[in-house]
């Protein structure tokens, strides 16, 4: 299944993976070594720019 989690405290796309992983682990959604997917927009904080996907 899919569990959406909003990550809203980042300033660049380079920060997204580490911030997302920490939040997912803190929430108990994933374990430390599990993979997860990030979607977002680059440039950041611009509505309608969902053009980024990363499988980590």
Protein backbone atom coordinates (compact mmCIF):
# COMPACT_ATOMS: atom_id res chain seq x y z
CA UNK A 1 0.00 0.00 0.00
CA UNK A 2 0.84 3.66 -0.07
CA UNK A 3 1.16 5.84 3.02
CA UNK A 4 1.42 9.52 2.06
CA UNK A 5 3.44 11.69 4.44
CA UNK A 6 3.83 15.43 3.87
CA UNK A 7 7.35 16.77 4.37
CA UNK A 8 7.13 20.53 4.60
CA UNK A 9 10.33 21.72 6.28
CA UNK A 10 13.01 21.68 3.61
CA UNK A 11 14.71 24.33 1.50
CA UNK A 12 16.14 22.32 -1.40
CA UNK A 13 15.60 19.03 -3.18
CA UNK A 14 18.98 17.88 -1.86
CA UNK A 15 17.58 17.93 1.70
CA UNK A 16 14.43 15.93 0.90
CA UNK A 17 15.79 12.35 1.13
CA UNK A 18 17.38 12.65 4.57
CA UNK A 19 14.53 14.68 6.08
CA UNK A 20 11.93 12.28 4.64
CA UNK A 21 13.78 9.18 5.86
CA UNK A 22 14.09 10.58 9.40
CA UNK A 23 10.39 11.49 9.54
CA UNK A 24 9.27 8.10 8.17
CA UNK A 25 11.41 6.27 10.73
CA UNK A 26 10.22 8.56 13.56
CA UNK A 27 6.58 7.89 12.58
CA UNK A 28 7.21 4.13 12.46
CA UNK A 29 6.27 3.95 8.78
CA UNK A 30 9.57 2.34 7.70
CA UNK A 31 12.52 0.61 9.30
CA UNK A 32 16.04 2.01 8.92
CA UNK A 33 16.95 -0.13 5.89
CA UNK A 34 13.63 -0.08 3.99
CA UNK A 35 13.19 1.66 0.66
CA UNK A 36 10.75 4.52 0.12
CA UNK A 37 9.63 6.83 -2.67
CA UNK A 38 9.71 10.63 -2.70
CA UNK A 39 7.71 12.79 -5.08
CA UNK A 40 7.97 16.55 -5.15
CA UNK A 41 8.65 19.61 -7.18
CA UNK A 42 11.79 21.33 -8.32
CA UNK A 43 12.11 24.25 -7.78
CA UNK A 44 10.82 23.74 -4.23
CA UNK A 45 7.84 25.62 -2.79
CA UNK A 46 6.36 26.38 -6.22
CA UNK A 47 2.80 25.03 -6.61
CA UNK A 48 2.18 22.81 -9.63
CA UNK A 49 5.77 21.70 -10.17
CA UNK A 50 5.53 18.02 -9.22
CA UNK A 51 8.32 16.80 -11.47
CA UNK A 52 10.61 14.87 -9.09
CA UNK A 53 10.52 11.21 -8.09
CA UNK A 54 13.20 9.29 -6.24
CA UNK A 55 13.29 5.69 -5.01
CA UNK A 56 15.58 5.42 -2.02
